[in-house]
């Protein structure tokens, strides 16, 4: 399913960026891009779309990078396909977009679900990932372990458990003009709450037909596959170490992902690994303090010795 033209003002707002579509992995993906130079590909999380990176796009372009923010499968301006929402396939979407952009590789920057996919792509398609930066998401093997064995993390992930019911979560997400999206954005942020204009944009994007269902499907796979052969196989594949410099960013007040859950992800990285904890920020550090986040990211991308 493609996105109706009437939604263009929501998912393709005007700005210093350029909008276009690229084909990859059997689907069409909307991207917003700025700048020239080495590719930095930005992957959004839930319940957002590419616009979550509106602050980082100009910062990266000014720093000399080709900054591209893509809408994940089923979200924003990208195709809403009936299947293909397991992390291995979603990671192929990401690496397919890198190829479609004509680039040999990219620095991947992912938040939340986008971070989960960035970890996956770096392990499964290492030749296409030059560097890796992940915010608010542990390595997939740590995420799995915490969901099964850490009661505190499991409680913080109550929304993921609630997504396992059929149809009701989708209806709850879009009820009252997607009011639940606004609640999540407020509840998951630190003291610096999102402005209401931004919340309205995210609510309108979630209200686009089929978006709620497609947004939830990756989480359904992640939980329902925990004891299935495909999930166990994915978990084994994620034993493959990440062999590129990695920056791991986390908000100290993140109410969704415990710092304890995220910490330790460096055990899966056989390359320079840098952990950065943002004091006083919640689940959306790239939006709560975009200047600090962008500065940290750009400085790390430019650092020839990122293990310092």
C-alpha atoms as a PDB file:
ATOM      1  CA  UNK A   1       0.000   0.000   0.000  1.00  0.00           C
ATOM      2  CA  UNK A   2       1.368   3.406  -0.971  1.00  0.00           C
ATOM      3  CA  UNK A   3       0.659   6.599   0.937  1.00  0.00           C
ATOM      4  CA  UNK A   4      -2.111   8.817  -0.502  1.00  0.00           C
ATOM      5  CA  UNK A   5      -0.984  12.164  -1.922  1.00  0.00           C
ATOM      6  CA  UNK A   6      -3.226  13.917   0.608  1.00  0.00           C
ATOM      7  CA  UNK A   7      -0.796  12.935   3.370  1.00  0.00           C
ATOM      8  CA  UNK A   8       2.169  14.681   1.712  1.00  0.00           C
ATOM      9  CA  UNK A   9       1.968  17.842   3.887  1.00  0.00           C
ATOM     10  CA  UNK A  10       2.276  15.616   6.980  1.00  0.00           C
ATOM     11  CA  UNK A  11       5.117  13.279   5.983  1.00  0.00           C
ATOM     12  CA  UNK A  12       6.900  15.625   3.532  1.00  0.00           C
ATOM     13  CA  UNK A  13       6.948  19.009   5.271  1.00  0.00           C
ATOM     14  CA  UNK A  14       8.905  21.817   3.687  1.00  0.00           C
ATOM     15  CA  UNK A  15      12.359  22.540   5.028  1.00  0.00           C
ATOM     16  CA  UNK A  16      16.011  22.781   4.018  1.00  0.00           C
ATOM     17  CA  UNK A  17      15.929  19.108   3.038  1.00  0.00           C
ATOM     18  CA  UNK A  18      14.910  17.421  -0.218  1.00  0.00           C
ATOM     19  CA  UNK A  19      12.244  14.722  -0.353  1.00  0.00           C
ATOM     20  CA  UNK A  20      12.300  11.777  -2.727  1.00  0.00           C
ATOM     21  CA  UNK A  21      11.531   8.063  -2.960  1.00  0.00           C
ATOM     22  CA  UNK A  22      13.973   5.203  -3.484  1.00  0.00           C
ATOM     23  CA  UNK A  23      13.335   1.536  -4.255  1.00  0.00           C
ATOM     24  CA  UNK A  24      14.945  -1.140  -2.081  1.00  0.00           C
ATOM     25  CA  UNK A  25      14.225  -4.718  -1.000  1.00  0.00           C
ATOM     26  CA  UNK A  26      10.957  -4.909  -2.939  1.00  0.00           C
ATOM     27  CA  UNK A  27       9.410  -1.711  -1.556  1.00  0.00           C
ATOM     28  CA  UNK A  28       9.497   2.075  -1.942  1.00  0.00           C
ATOM     29  CA  UNK A  29      10.992   4.205   0.794  1.00  0.00           C
ATOM     30  CA  UNK A  30      10.620   7.920   1.421  1.00  0.00           C
ATOM     31  CA  UNK A  31      13.772   9.798   2.386  1.00  0.00           C
ATOM     32  CA  UNK A  32      14.663  13.367   3.325  1.00  0.00           C
ATOM     33  CA  UNK A  33      18.242  14.388   2.561  1.00  0.00           C
ATOM     34  CA  UNK A  34      20.655  17.285   2.952  1.00  0.00           C
ATOM     35  CA  UNK A  35      24.308  17.931   2.226  1.00  0.00           C
ATOM     36  CA  UNK A  36      27.169  16.261   0.388  1.00  0.00           C
ATOM     37  CA  UNK A  37      29.902  13.980   1.635  1.00  0.00           C
ATOM     38  CA  UNK A  38      30.060  10.562   3.326  1.00  0.00           C
ATOM     39  CA  UNK A  39      26.588   9.118   3.868  1.00  0.00           C
ATOM     40  CA  UNK A  40      24.997   9.194   7.325  1.00  0.00           C
ATOM     41  CA  UNK A  41      21.699   7.275   7.334  1.00  0.00           C
ATOM     42  CA  UNK A  42      19.268   8.080  10.157  1.00  0.00           C
ATOM     43  CA  UNK A  43      16.698   5.518  11.372  1.00  0.00           C
ATOM     44  CA  UNK A  44      13.772   6.690  13.498  1.00  0.00           C
ATOM     45  CA  UNK A  45      12.048   4.866  16.326  1.00  0.00           C
ATOM     46  CA  UNK A  46       8.483   4.388  17.604  1.00  0.00           C
ATOM     47  CA  UNK A  47       6.062   6.203  17.547  1.00  0.00           C
ATOM     48  CA  UNK A  48       7.804   8.552  15.106  1.00  0.00           C
ATOM     49  CA  UNK A  49       8.893   8.880  11.485  1.00  0.00           C
ATOM     50  CA  UNK A  50      11.870  10.483   9.679  1.00  0.00           C
ATOM     51  CA  UNK A  51      10.963  13.950  11.004  1.00  0.00           C
ATOM     52  CA  UNK A  52      12.438  12.941  14.383  1.00  0.00           C
ATOM     53  CA  UNK A  53      15.832  13.791  12.829  1.00  0.00           C
ATOM     54  CA  UNK A  54      14.863  17.317  11.662  1.00  0.00           C
ATOM     55  CA  UNK A  55      17.504  18.829  13.961  1.00  0.00           C
ATOM     56  CA  UNK A  56      20.307  16.434  12.995  1.00  0.00           C
ATOM     57  CA  UNK A  57      19.879  16.726   9.209  1.00  0.00           C
ATOM     58  CA  UNK A  58      21.129  20.344   8.971  1.00  0.00           C
ATOM     59  CA  UNK A  59      23.773  19.786  11.662  1.00  0.00           C
ATOM     60  CA  UNK A  60      25.240  16.829   9.763  1.00  0.00           C
ATOM     61  CA  UNK A  61      25.018  18.602   6.397  1.00  0.00           C
ATOM     62  CA  UNK A  62      26.834  21.623   7.799  1.00  0.00           C
ATOM     63  CA  UNK A  63      29.521  19.284   9.156  1.00  0.00           C
ATOM     64  CA  UNK A  64      30.204  17.924   5.669  1.00  0.00           C
ATOM     65  CA  UNK A  65      28.040  14.819   5.464  1.00  0.00           C
ATOM     66  CA  UNK A  66      25.309  13.589   3.166  1.00  0.00           C
ATOM     67  CA  UNK A  67      22.578  13.249   5.785  1.00  0.00           C
ATOM     68  CA  UNK A  68      19.606  11.045   4.883  1.00  0.00           C
ATOM     69  CA  UNK A  69      16.638  10.241   7.144  1.00  0.00           C
ATOM     70  CA  UNK A  70      14.443   7.398   5.904  1.00  0.00           C
ATOM     71  CA  UNK A  71      10.947   6.321   6.833  1.00  0.00           C
ATOM     72  CA  UNK A  72      10.975   2.690   7.883  1.00  0.00           C
ATOM     73  CA  UNK A  73       8.716   0.212   6.119  1.00  0.00           C
ATOM     74  CA  UNK A  74       5.069   0.930   6.902  1.00  0.00           C
ATOM     75  CA  UNK A  75       5.651   4.411   8.343  1.00  0.00           C
ATOM     76  CA  UNK A  76       5.588   8.000   7.098  1.00  0.00           C
ATOM     77  CA  UNK A  77       5.892   8.176   3.314  1.00  0.00           C
ATOM     78  CA  UNK A  78       7.171   4.617   2.786  1.00  0.00           C
ATOM     79  CA  UNK A  79       5.198   1.647   1.478  1.00  0.00           C
ATOM     80  CA  UNK A  80       2.879  -0.207   3.824  1.00  0.00           C
ATOM     81  CA  UNK A  81       3.408  -3.812   2.793  1.00  0.00           C
ATOM     82  CA  UNK A  82       1.345  -6.727   4.167  1.00  0.00           C
ATOM     83  CA  UNK A  83       4.443  -8.495   5.528  1.00  0.00           C
ATOM     84  CA  UNK A  84       8.194  -8.081   5.974  1.00  0.00           C
ATOM     85  CA  UNK A  85       8.367  -6.589   9.490  1.00  0.00           C
ATOM     86  CA  UNK A  86      10.849  -8.981  11.068  1.00  0.00           C
ATOM     87  CA  UNK A  87      14.165  -7.302  11.977  1.00  0.00           C
ATOM     88  CA  UNK A  88      16.257  -9.246   9.458  1.00  0.00           C
ATOM     89  CA  UNK A  89      14.087  -8.032   6.585  1.00  0.00           C
ATOM     90  CA  UNK A  90      13.828  -4.496   7.961  1.00  0.00           C
ATOM     91  CA  UNK A  91      17.630  -4.415   8.164  1.00  0.00           C
ATOM     92  CA  UNK A  92      17.726  -5.426   4.498  1.00  0.00           C
ATOM     93  CA  UNK A  93      15.503  -2.399   3.812  1.00  0.00           C
ATOM     94  CA  UNK A  94      18.167  -0.224   5.422  1.00  0.00           C
ATOM     95  CA  UNK A  95      21.115  -1.717   3.559  1.00  0.00           C
ATOM     96  CA  UNK A  96      19.069  -1.721   0.345  1.00  0.00           C
ATOM     97  CA  UNK A  97      18.515   2.023   0.702  1.00  0.00           C
ATOM     98  CA  UNK A  98      22.282   2.514   1.110  1.00  0.00           C
ATOM     99  CA  UNK A  99      22.810   0.721  -2.209  1.00  0.00           C
ATOM    100  CA  UNK A 100      19.968   2.603  -3.910  1.00  0.00           C
ATOM    101  CA  UNK A 101      21.583   5.878  -2.903  1.00  0.00           C
ATOM    102  CA  UNK A 102      24.668   4.800  -4.825  1.00  0.00           C
ATOM    103  CA  UNK A 103      26.897   4.731  -1.772  1.00  0.00           C
ATOM    104  CA  UNK A 104      29.445   2.036  -0.847  1.00  0.00           C
ATOM    105  CA  UNK A 105      28.580   2.272   2.849  1.00  0.00           C
ATOM    106  CA  UNK A 106      27.038   4.492   5.509  1.00  0.00           C
ATOM    107  CA  UNK A 107      27.366   5.544   9.095  1.00  0.00           C
ATOM    108  CA  UNK A 108      24.117   4.252  10.605  1.00  0.00           C
ATOM    109  CA  UNK A 109      22.406   6.272  13.336  1.00  0.00           C
ATOM    110  CA  UNK A 110      19.368   4.623  14.914  1.00  0.00           C
ATOM    111  CA  UNK A 111      16.994   5.463  17.752  1.00  0.00           C
ATOM    112  CA  UNK A 112      14.726   2.996  19.571  1.00  0.00           C
ATOM    113  CA  UNK A 113      13.474   0.508  16.922  1.00  0.00           C
ATOM    114  CA  UNK A 114      15.772   2.191  14.417  1.00  0.00           C
ATOM    115  CA  UNK A 115      18.620   1.439  16.808  1.00  0.00           C
ATOM    116  CA  UNK A 116      17.598  -2.218  16.983  1.00  0.00           C
ATOM    117  CA  UNK A 117      17.733  -2.360  13.177  1.00  0.00           C
ATOM    118  CA  UNK A 118      21.054  -0.516  13.098  1.00  0.00           C
ATOM    119  CA  UNK A 119      22.574  -3.129  15.427  1.00  0.00           C
ATOM    120  CA  UNK A 120      21.136  -5.833  13.162  1.00  0.00           C
ATOM    121  CA  UNK A 121      22.398  -4.320   9.912  1.00  0.00           C
ATOM    122  CA  UNK A 122      25.889  -3.779  11.331  1.00  0.00           C
ATOM    123  CA  UNK A 123      26.122  -7.442  12.345  1.00  0.00           C
ATOM    124  CA  UNK A 124      24.547  -8.955   9.229  1.00  0.00           C
ATOM    125  CA  UNK A 125      25.841  -6.620   6.488  1.00  0.00           C
ATOM    126  CA  UNK A 126      29.126  -5.314   7.906  1.00  0.00           C
ATOM    127  CA  UNK A 127      30.578  -4.232   4.562  1.00  0.00           C
ATOM    128  CA  UNK A 128      27.809  -1.653   4.167  1.00  0.00           C
ATOM    129  CA  UNK A 129      28.164  -0.084   7.616  1.00  0.00           C
ATOM    130  CA  UNK A 130      31.100   2.280   8.154  1.00  0.00           C
ATOM    131  CA  UNK A 131      30.219   3.350  11.689  1.00  0.00           C
ATOM    132  CA  UNK A 132      27.327   2.714  14.064  1.00  0.00           C
ATOM    133  CA  UNK A 133      25.558   5.066  16.489  1.00  0.00           C
ATOM    134  CA  UNK A 134      22.620   3.834  18.565  1.00  0.00           C
ATOM    135  CA  UNK A 135      20.377   5.790  20.943  1.00  0.00           C
ATOM    136  CA  UNK A 136      17.994   4.408  23.568  1.00  0.00           C
ATOM    137  CA  UNK A 137      18.317   0.774  22.523  1.00  0.00           C
ATOM    138  CA  UNK A 138      20.546  -2.070  23.770  1.00  0.00           C
ATOM    139  CA  UNK A 139      22.010  -4.741  21.549  1.00  0.00           C
ATOM    140  CA  UNK A 140      19.179  -7.112  20.448  1.00  0.00           C
ATOM    141  CA  UNK A 141      20.545 -10.004  22.498  1.00  0.00           C
ATOM    142  CA  UNK A 142      20.553  -7.856  25.639  1.00  0.00           C
ATOM    143  CA  UNK A 143      17.039  -6.627  24.819  1.00  0.00           C
ATOM    144  CA  UNK A 144      15.822 -10.227  24.549  1.00  0.00           C
ATOM    145  CA  UNK A 145      17.514 -11.252  27.784  1.00  0.00           C
ATOM    146  CA  UNK A 146      16.061  -8.294  29.686  1.00  0.00           C
ATOM    147  CA  UNK A 147      12.536  -8.875  28.388  1.00  0.00           C
ATOM    148  CA  UNK A 148      12.663 -12.471  29.617  1.00  0.00           C
ATOM    149  CA  UNK A 149      14.618 -12.138  32.853  1.00  0.00           C
ATOM    150  CA  UNK A 150      14.440  -8.541  34.138  1.00  0.00           C
ATOM    151  CA  UNK A 151      11.084  -7.773  35.746  1.00  0.00           C
ATOM    152  CA  UNK A 152      11.829  -4.039  35.922  1.00  0.00           C
ATOM    153  CA  UNK A 153      12.628  -3.830  32.225  1.00  0.00           C
ATOM    154  CA  UNK A 154       9.598  -5.945  31.395  1.00  0.00           C
ATOM    155  CA  UNK A 155       7.361  -3.494  33.277  1.00  0.00           C
ATOM    156  CA  UNK A 156       8.900  -0.559  31.439  1.00  0.00           C
ATOM    157  CA  UNK A 157       8.121  -2.363  28.179  1.00  0.00           C
ATOM    158  CA  UNK A 158       4.449  -2.775  29.033  1.00  0.00           C
ATOM    159  CA  UNK A 159       3.462  -1.138  25.738  1.00  0.00           C
ATOM    160  CA  UNK A 160       5.287  -3.894  23.825  1.00  0.00           C
ATOM    161  CA  UNK A 161       3.492  -6.638  25.730  1.00  0.00           C
ATOM    162  CA  UNK A 162       0.167  -4.861  25.096  1.00  0.00           C
ATOM    163  CA  UNK A 163       0.894  -4.826  21.346  1.00  0.00           C
ATOM    164  CA  UNK A 164       0.550  -8.616  21.227  1.00  0.00           C
ATOM    165  CA  UNK A 165      -3.238  -8.450  21.243  1.00  0.00           C
ATOM    166  CA  UNK A 166      -4.909  -8.462  17.811  1.00  0.00           C
ATOM    167  CA  UNK A 167      -6.342  -5.192  16.435  1.00  0.00           C
ATOM    168  CA  UNK A 168      -7.029  -3.511  19.778  1.00  0.00           C
ATOM    169  CA  UNK A 169      -3.600  -1.812  20.014  1.00  0.00           C
ATOM    170  CA  UNK A 170      -4.030  -0.290  16.553  1.00  0.00           C
ATOM    171  CA  UNK A 171      -7.409   1.114  17.513  1.00  0.00           C
ATOM    172  CA  UNK A 172      -6.021   2.497  20.762  1.00  0.00           C
ATOM    173  CA  UNK A 173      -3.158   4.239  18.935  1.00  0.00           C
ATOM    174  CA  UNK A 174      -5.414   6.115  16.517  1.00  0.00           C
ATOM    175  CA  UNK A 175      -8.335   6.812  18.891  1.00  0.00           C
ATOM    176  CA  UNK A 176      -9.080  10.496  19.546  1.00  0.00           C
ATOM    177  CA  UNK A 177      -6.781  11.647  16.734  1.00  0.00           C
ATOM    178  CA  UNK A 178      -3.943   9.428  17.964  1.00  0.00           C
ATOM    179  CA  UNK A 179      -3.978  10.946  21.454  1.00  0.00           C
ATOM    180  CA  UNK A 180      -2.050   7.920  22.766  1.00  0.00           C
ATOM    181  CA  UNK A 181       0.955   8.956  20.662  1.00  0.00           C
ATOM    182  CA  UNK A 182       1.025  12.314  22.435  1.00  0.00           C
ATOM    183  CA  UNK A 183       0.830  10.574  25.806  1.00  0.00           C
ATOM    184  CA  UNK A 184       3.781   8.345  24.930  1.00  0.00           C
ATOM    185  CA  UNK A 185       5.900  11.278  23.767  1.00  0.00           C
ATOM    186  CA  UNK A 186       5.227  13.134  27.026  1.00  0.00           C
ATOM    187  CA  UNK A 187       5.539  10.131  29.345  1.00  0.00           C
ATOM    188  CA  UNK A 188       8.773   8.878  27.768  1.00  0.00           C
ATOM    189  CA  UNK A 189      10.565  12.245  27.713  1.00  0.00           C
ATOM    190  CA  UNK A 190      12.639  13.724  30.508  1.00  0.00           C
ATOM    191  CA  UNK A 191      11.950  17.153  32.035  1.00  0.00           C
ATOM    192  CA  UNK A 192      12.301  18.780  28.598  1.00  0.00           C
ATOM    193  CA  UNK A 193       8.885  17.867  27.199  1.00  0.00           C
ATOM    194  CA  UNK A 194       8.140  17.962  23.451  1.00  0.00           C
ATOM    195  CA  UNK A 195       6.382  21.057  22.173  1.00  0.00           C
ATOM    196  CA  UNK A 196       2.754  20.628  21.217  1.00  0.00           C
ATOM    197  CA  UNK A 197       3.354  21.426  17.530  1.00  0.00           C
ATOM    198  CA  UNK A 198       5.750  18.468  17.306  1.00  0.00           C
ATOM    199  CA  UNK A 199       3.290  16.223  19.124  1.00  0.00           C
ATOM    200  CA  UNK A 200       0.583  17.203  16.635  1.00  0.00           C
ATOM    201  CA  UNK A 201       2.834  16.232  13.717  1.00  0.00           C
ATOM    202  CA  UNK A 202       3.475  12.781  15.169  1.00  0.00           C
ATOM    203  CA  UNK A 203      -0.199  12.254  15.947  1.00  0.00           C
ATOM    204  CA  UNK A 204      -1.200  13.166  12.384  1.00  0.00           C
ATOM    205  CA  UNK A 205       1.431  10.831  10.944  1.00  0.00           C
ATOM    206  CA  UNK A 206       0.219   7.903  13.061  1.00  0.00           C
ATOM    207  CA  UNK A 207      -3.366   8.580  11.950  1.00  0.00           C
ATOM    208  CA  UNK A 208      -2.509   7.815   8.303  1.00  0.00           C
ATOM    209  CA  UNK A 209      -4.340   4.577   7.411  1.00  0.00           C
ATOM    210  CA  UNK A 210      -2.410   1.347   8.184  1.00  0.00           C
ATOM    211  CA  UNK A 211       0.442   3.174   9.920  1.00  0.00           C
ATOM    212  CA  UNK A 212      -0.539   2.025  13.423  1.00  0.00           C
ATOM    213  CA  UNK A 213      -0.710  -1.611  12.321  1.00  0.00           C
ATOM    214  CA  UNK A 214       2.622  -1.473  10.481  1.00  0.00           C
ATOM    215  CA  UNK A 215       4.295   0.326  13.405  1.00  0.00           C
ATOM    216  CA  UNK A 216       3.248  -2.406  15.814  1.00  0.00           C
ATOM    217  CA  UNK A 217       4.125  -5.402  13.629  1.00  0.00           C
ATOM    218  CA  UNK A 218       7.913  -5.367  14.358  1.00  0.00           C
ATOM    219  CA  UNK A 219       7.193  -5.565  18.087  1.00  0.00           C
ATOM    220  CA  UNK A 220       4.763  -8.416  17.567  1.00  0.00           C
ATOM    221  CA  UNK A 221       7.459 -10.363  15.771  1.00  0.00           C
ATOM    222  CA  UNK A 222      10.069  -9.567  18.433  1.00  0.00           C
ATOM    223  CA  UNK A 223       7.898 -10.982  21.226  1.00  0.00           C
ATOM    224  CA  UNK A 224       6.062 -13.808  19.461  1.00  0.00           C
ATOM    225  CA  UNK A 225       9.307 -15.146  18.014  1.00  0.00           C
ATOM    226  CA  UNK A 226      11.060 -15.409  21.388  1.00  0.00           C
ATOM    227  CA  UNK A 227      10.463 -19.174  21.515  1.00  0.00           C
ATOM    228  CA  UNK A 228       9.955 -19.824  17.789  1.00  0.00           C
ATOM    229  CA  UNK A 229      12.641 -21.256  15.490  1.00  0.00           C
ATOM    230  CA  UNK A 230      12.897 -18.023  13.474  1.00  0.00           C
ATOM    231  CA  UNK A 231      13.417 -15.978  16.619  1.00  0.00           C
ATOM    232  CA  UNK A 232      15.991 -18.371  18.022  1.00  0.00           C
ATOM    233  CA  UNK A 233      17.813 -18.357  14.692  1.00  0.00           C
ATOM    234  CA  UNK A 234      17.845 -14.554  14.658  1.00  0.00           C
ATOM    235  CA  UNK A 235      19.207 -14.489  18.201  1.00  0.00           C
ATOM    236  CA  UNK A 236      22.010 -16.864  17.182  1.00  0.00           C
ATOM    237  CA  UNK A 237      22.831 -14.728  14.142  1.00  0.00           C
ATOM    238  CA  UNK A 238      23.139 -11.689  16.388  1.00  0.00           C
ATOM    239  CA  UNK A 239      26.077 -13.359  18.135  1.00  0.00           C
ATOM    240  CA  UNK A 240      28.082 -12.030  15.191  1.00  0.00           C
ATOM    241  CA  UNK A 241      30.150  -9.166  16.604  1.00  0.00           C
ATOM    242  CA  UNK A 242      29.919  -5.599  15.352  1.00  0.00           C
ATOM    243  CA  UNK A 243      33.303  -4.749  13.881  1.00  0.00           C
ATOM    244  CA  UNK A 244      32.946  -1.013  13.265  1.00  0.00           C
ATOM    245  CA  UNK A 245      33.409   1.929  15.668  1.00  0.00           C
ATOM    246  CA  UNK A 246      30.256   2.270  17.745  1.00  0.00           C
ATOM    247  CA  UNK A 247      28.753   5.160  19.690  1.00  0.00           C
ATOM    248  CA  UNK A 248      26.074   4.241  22.230  1.00  0.00           C
ATOM    249  CA  UNK A 249      23.889   7.109  23.461  1.00  0.00           C
ATOM    250  CA  UNK A 250      21.400   6.942  26.317  1.00  0.00           C
ATOM    251  CA  UNK A 251      19.336   9.272  28.466  1.00  0.00           C
ATOM    252  CA  UNK A 252      19.852   8.837  32.211  1.00  0.00           C
ATOM    253  CA  UNK A 253      16.111   9.324  32.826  1.00  0.00           C
ATOM    254  CA  UNK A 254      14.875   7.037  30.037  1.00  0.00           C
ATOM    255  CA  UNK A 255      11.655   5.495  31.430  1.00  0.00           C
ATOM    256  CA  UNK A 256      11.346   2.964  28.598  1.00  0.00           C
ATOM    257  CA  UNK A 257      14.808   1.430  28.429  1.00  0.00           C
ATOM    258  CA  UNK A 258      16.764   1.003  31.648  1.00  0.00           C
ATOM    259  CA  UNK A 259      20.359   2.197  31.630  1.00  0.00           C
ATOM    260  CA  UNK A 260      21.250  -1.190  33.106  1.00  0.00           C
ATOM    261  CA  UNK A 261      19.626  -2.890  30.111  1.00  0.00           C
ATOM    262  CA  UNK A 262      21.526  -0.830  27.560  1.00  0.00           C
ATOM    263  CA  UNK A 263      24.875  -0.857  29.349  1.00  0.00           C
ATOM    264  CA  UNK A 264      27.018  -3.809  28.434  1.00  0.00           C
ATOM    265  CA  UNK A 265      26.210  -3.716  24.728  1.00  0.00           C
ATOM    266  CA  UNK A 266      29.892  -3.122  24.113  1.00  0.00           C
ATOM    267  CA  UNK A 267      30.432  -6.834  24.755  1.00  0.00           C
ATOM    268  CA  UNK A 268      29.087  -7.405  21.246  1.00  0.00           C
ATOM    269  CA  UNK A 269      31.416  -4.866  19.622  1.00  0.00           C
ATOM    270  CA  UNK A 270      34.898  -5.888  18.492  1.00  0.00           C
ATOM    271  CA  UNK A 271      35.901  -2.334  17.625  1.00  0.00           C
ATOM    272  CA  UNK A 272      36.195   1.016  19.419  1.00  0.00           C
ATOM    273  CA  UNK A 273      33.078   1.466  21.570  1.00  0.00           C
ATOM    274  CA  UNK A 274      32.042   4.715  23.262  1.00  0.00           C
ATOM    275  CA  UNK A 275      29.235   4.952  25.826  1.00  0.00           C
ATOM    276  CA  UNK A 276      27.670   8.394  26.361  1.00  0.00           C
ATOM    277  CA  UNK A 277      25.058   8.923  29.067  1.00  0.00           C
ATOM    278  CA  UNK A 278      23.095  12.188  28.750  1.00  0.00           C
ATOM    279  CA  UNK A 279      22.282  13.481  32.217  1.00  0.00           C
ATOM    280  CA  UNK A 280      18.668  14.526  32.724  1.00  0.00           C
ATOM    281  CA  UNK A 281      17.341  13.315  29.360  1.00  0.00           C
ATOM    282  CA  UNK A 282      14.716  10.695  28.648  1.00  0.00           C
ATOM    283  CA  UNK A 283      13.961   8.365  25.760  1.00  0.00           C
ATOM    284  CA  UNK A 284      14.324  10.971  22.987  1.00  0.00           C
ATOM    285  CA  UNK A 285      17.750  12.609  23.547  1.00  0.00           C
ATOM    286  CA  UNK A 286      18.010  13.702  19.900  1.00  0.00           C
ATOM    287  CA  UNK A 287      14.884  15.839  20.353  1.00  0.00           C
ATOM    288  CA  UNK A 288      15.090  16.733  24.048  1.00  0.00           C
ATOM    289  CA  UNK A 289      18.539  18.302  23.637  1.00  0.00           C
ATOM    290  CA  UNK A 290      19.269  18.338  19.896  1.00  0.00           C
ATOM    291  CA  UNK A 291      22.344  20.566  20.195  1.00  0.00           C
ATOM    292  CA  UNK A 292      24.089  18.282  22.697  1.00  0.00           C
ATOM    293  CA  UNK A 293      23.118  15.178  20.752  1.00  0.00           C
ATOM    294  CA  UNK A 294      24.196  16.552  17.365  1.00  0.00           C
ATOM    295  CA  UNK A 295      27.466  17.862  18.795  1.00  0.00           C
ATOM    296  CA  UNK A 296      28.297  14.493  20.323  1.00  0.00           C
ATOM    297  CA  UNK A 297      27.426  12.686  17.103  1.00  0.00           C
ATOM    298  CA  UNK A 298      29.353  14.992  14.763  1.00  0.00           C
ATOM    299  CA  UNK A 299      32.439  15.065  16.992  1.00  0.00           C
ATOM    300  CA  UNK A 300      32.463  11.268  17.119  1.00  0.00           C
ATOM    301  CA  UNK A 301      31.975  10.915  13.349  1.00  0.00           C
ATOM    302  CA  UNK A 302      34.930  13.239  12.757  1.00  0.00           C
ATOM    303  CA  UNK A 303      37.149  11.630  15.387  1.00  0.00           C
ATOM    304  CA  UNK A 304      39.822   9.489  13.659  1.00  0.00           C
ATOM    305  CA  UNK A 305      40.454   7.718  16.983  1.00  0.00           C
ATOM    306  CA  UNK A 306      36.931   7.077  18.341  1.00  0.00           C
ATOM    307  CA  UNK A 307      38.134   4.744  21.071  1.00  0.00           C
ATOM    308  CA  UNK A 308      39.466   7.643  23.160  1.00  0.00           C
END
